[in-house]
Amino acid sequence: MSKKSPILGAILGFFVLGIFYSTGFSKQGIIAVVALIAVSWIISILVDPSVAAVVNLVGAFLGYKWSNDHNAAIGGGGEM
């Protein structure tokens, strides 16, 4: 297994794609993407579409964190 870039995970995570980058197409990644899309949709309808951008920040954080977790799990450490 190779190390994954936490920075790339965060950048892609801002567009929710980093979840798949950092976790692969695992059950955890699919559930997270579906949940983030649903939360974003609900917030944009009930509150305001501009507030739904907070979900993008959560996606960026998860992409970064799970990339670091992946690197730690394979023994590669966190930051690249």
C-alpha atoms as a PDB file:
ATOM      1  CA  MET A   1       0.000   0.000   0.000  1.00  0.00           C
ATOM      2  CA  SER A   2       1.228   3.471  -0.734  1.00  0.00           C
ATOM      3  CA  LYS A   3       1.040   6.634   1.313  1.00  0.00           C
ATOM      4  CA  LYS A   4      -1.691   9.130   0.502  1.00  0.00           C
ATOM      5  CA  SER A   5      -1.186  12.872   0.456  1.00  0.00           C
ATOM      6  CA  PRO A   6      -3.184  14.563   3.246  1.00  0.00           C
ATOM      7  CA  ILE A   7      -3.095  17.850   1.315  1.00  0.00           C
ATOM      8  CA  LEU A   8      -4.590  16.225  -1.775  1.00  0.00           C
ATOM      9  CA  GLY A   9      -7.155  14.514   0.472  1.00  0.00           C
ATOM     10  CA  ALA A  10      -8.149  17.903   1.911  1.00  0.00           C
ATOM     11  CA  ILE A  11      -8.366  19.608  -1.492  1.00  0.00           C
ATOM     12  CA  LEU A  12     -10.439  16.802  -2.975  1.00  0.00           C
ATOM     13  CA  GLY A  13     -12.405  16.569   0.276  1.00  0.00           C
ATOM     14  CA  PHE A  14     -13.581  20.130  -0.237  1.00  0.00           C
ATOM     15  CA  PHE A  15     -15.429  18.729  -3.271  1.00  0.00           C
ATOM     16  CA  VAL A  16     -16.383  15.553  -1.317  1.00  0.00           C
ATOM     17  CA  LEU A  17     -14.186  13.434  -3.631  1.00  0.00           C
ATOM     18  CA  GLY A  18     -11.386  13.350  -1.056  1.00  0.00           C
ATOM     19  CA  ILE A  19     -13.444  10.976   1.020  1.00  0.00           C
ATOM     20  CA  PHE A  20     -13.075   8.354  -1.693  1.00  0.00           C
ATOM     21  CA  TYR A  21      -9.398   9.246  -2.133  1.00  0.00           C
ATOM     22  CA  SER A  22      -8.632   8.826   1.557  1.00  0.00           C
ATOM     23  CA  THR A  23     -10.754   5.762   2.292  1.00  0.00           C
ATOM     24  CA  GLY A  24     -10.965   4.092  -1.088  1.00  0.00           C
ATOM     25  CA  PHE A  25     -14.372   2.885  -2.150  1.00  0.00           C
ATOM     26  CA  SER A  26     -15.032   1.415   1.269  1.00  0.00           C
ATOM     27  CA  LYS A  27     -18.239   1.246   3.248  1.00  0.00           C
ATOM     28  CA  GLN A  28     -16.999   4.113   5.456  1.00  0.00           C
ATOM     29  CA  GLY A  29     -16.321   6.319   2.431  1.00  0.00           C
ATOM     30  CA  ILE A  30     -19.636   5.643   0.721  1.00  0.00           C
ATOM     31  CA  ILE A  31     -21.616   6.298   3.908  1.00  0.00           C
ATOM     32  CA  ALA A  32     -19.693   9.534   4.544  1.00  0.00           C
ATOM     33  CA  VAL A  33     -20.251  10.834   1.000  1.00  0.00           C
ATOM     34  CA  VAL A  34     -23.964  10.036   1.026  1.00  0.00           C
ATOM     35  CA  ALA A  35     -24.354  11.612   4.471  1.00  0.00           C
ATOM     36  CA  LEU A  36     -22.468  14.775   3.489  1.00  0.00           C
ATOM     37  CA  ILE A  37     -24.531  15.177   0.314  1.00  0.00           C
ATOM     38  CA  ALA A  38     -27.779  14.671   2.227  1.00  0.00           C
ATOM     39  CA  VAL A  39     -26.796  17.134   4.964  1.00  0.00           C
ATOM     40  CA  SER A  40     -25.719  19.710   2.377  1.00  0.00           C
ATOM     41  CA  TRP A  41     -29.007  19.332   0.507  1.00  0.00           C
ATOM     42  CA  ILE A  42     -31.093  19.627   3.685  1.00  0.00           C
ATOM     43  CA  ILE A  43     -29.172  22.669   4.928  1.00  0.00           C
ATOM     44  CA  SER A  44     -29.481  24.410   1.566  1.00  0.00           C
ATOM     45  CA  ILE A  45     -33.255  23.881   1.578  1.00  0.00           C
ATOM     46  CA  LEU A  46     -34.003  24.635   5.228  1.00  0.00           C
ATOM     47  CA  VAL A  47     -31.456  27.325   6.045  1.00  0.00           C
ATOM     48  CA  ASP A  48     -29.548  28.943   3.194  1.00  0.00           C
ATOM     49  CA  PRO A  49     -27.442  27.619   0.315  1.00  0.00           C
ATOM     50  CA  SER A  50     -24.435  29.632   1.469  1.00  0.00           C
ATOM     51  CA  VAL A  51     -24.487  27.901   4.869  1.00  0.00           C
ATOM     52  CA  ALA A  52     -24.299  24.533   3.114  1.00  0.00           C
ATOM     53  CA  ALA A  53     -20.665  25.368   2.258  1.00  0.00           C
ATOM     54  CA  VAL A  54     -19.813  24.309   5.818  1.00  0.00           C
ATOM     55  CA  VAL A  55     -20.291  20.740   4.604  1.00  0.00           C
ATOM     56  CA  ASN A  56     -17.433  21.315   2.147  1.00  0.00           C
ATOM     57  CA  LEU A  57     -15.165  22.255   5.038  1.00  0.00           C
ATOM     58  CA  VAL A  58     -16.166  19.084   6.879  1.00  0.00           C
ATOM     59  CA  GLY A  59     -15.363  17.081   3.735  1.00  0.00           C
ATOM     60  CA  ALA A  60     -11.940  18.733   3.512  1.00  0.00           C
ATOM     61  CA  PHE A  61     -11.245  17.927   7.161  1.00  0.00           C
ATOM     62  CA  LEU A  62     -12.298  14.300   6.756  1.00  0.00           C
ATOM     63  CA  GLY A  63     -10.201  13.903   3.602  1.00  0.00           C
ATOM     64  CA  TYR A  64      -7.159  15.254   5.444  1.00  0.00           C
ATOM     65  CA  LYS A  65      -7.746  13.270   8.631  1.00  0.00           C
ATOM     66  CA  TRP A  66      -8.489   9.952   6.966  1.00  0.00           C
ATOM     67  CA  SER A  67      -5.458  10.293   4.669  1.00  0.00           C
ATOM     68  CA  ASN A  68      -3.296  10.771   7.773  1.00  0.00           C
ATOM     69  CA  ASP A  69      -5.001   7.811   9.447  1.00  0.00           C
ATOM     70  CA  HIS A  70      -4.336   5.663   6.385  1.00  0.00           C
ATOM     71  CA  ASN A  71      -0.661   6.631   6.394  1.00  0.00           C
ATOM     72  CA  ALA A  72      -0.374   5.867  10.106  1.00  0.00           C
ATOM     73  CA  ALA A  73      -2.062   2.492   9.616  1.00  0.00           C
ATOM     74  CA  ILE A  74       0.443   1.399   6.978  1.00  0.00           C
ATOM     75  CA  GLY A  75       3.317   2.598   9.118  1.00  0.00           C
ATOM     76  CA  GLY A  76       4.146   5.608   7.002  1.00  0.00           C
ATOM     77  CA  GLY A  77       3.477   8.241   9.620  1.00  0.00           C
ATOM     78  CA  GLY A  78       1.116  11.159   9.201  1.00  0.00           C
ATOM     79  CA  GLU A  79       2.317  14.196   7.269  1.00  0.00           C
ATOM     80  CA  MET A  80       4.199  13.730   4.037  1.00  0.00           C
END
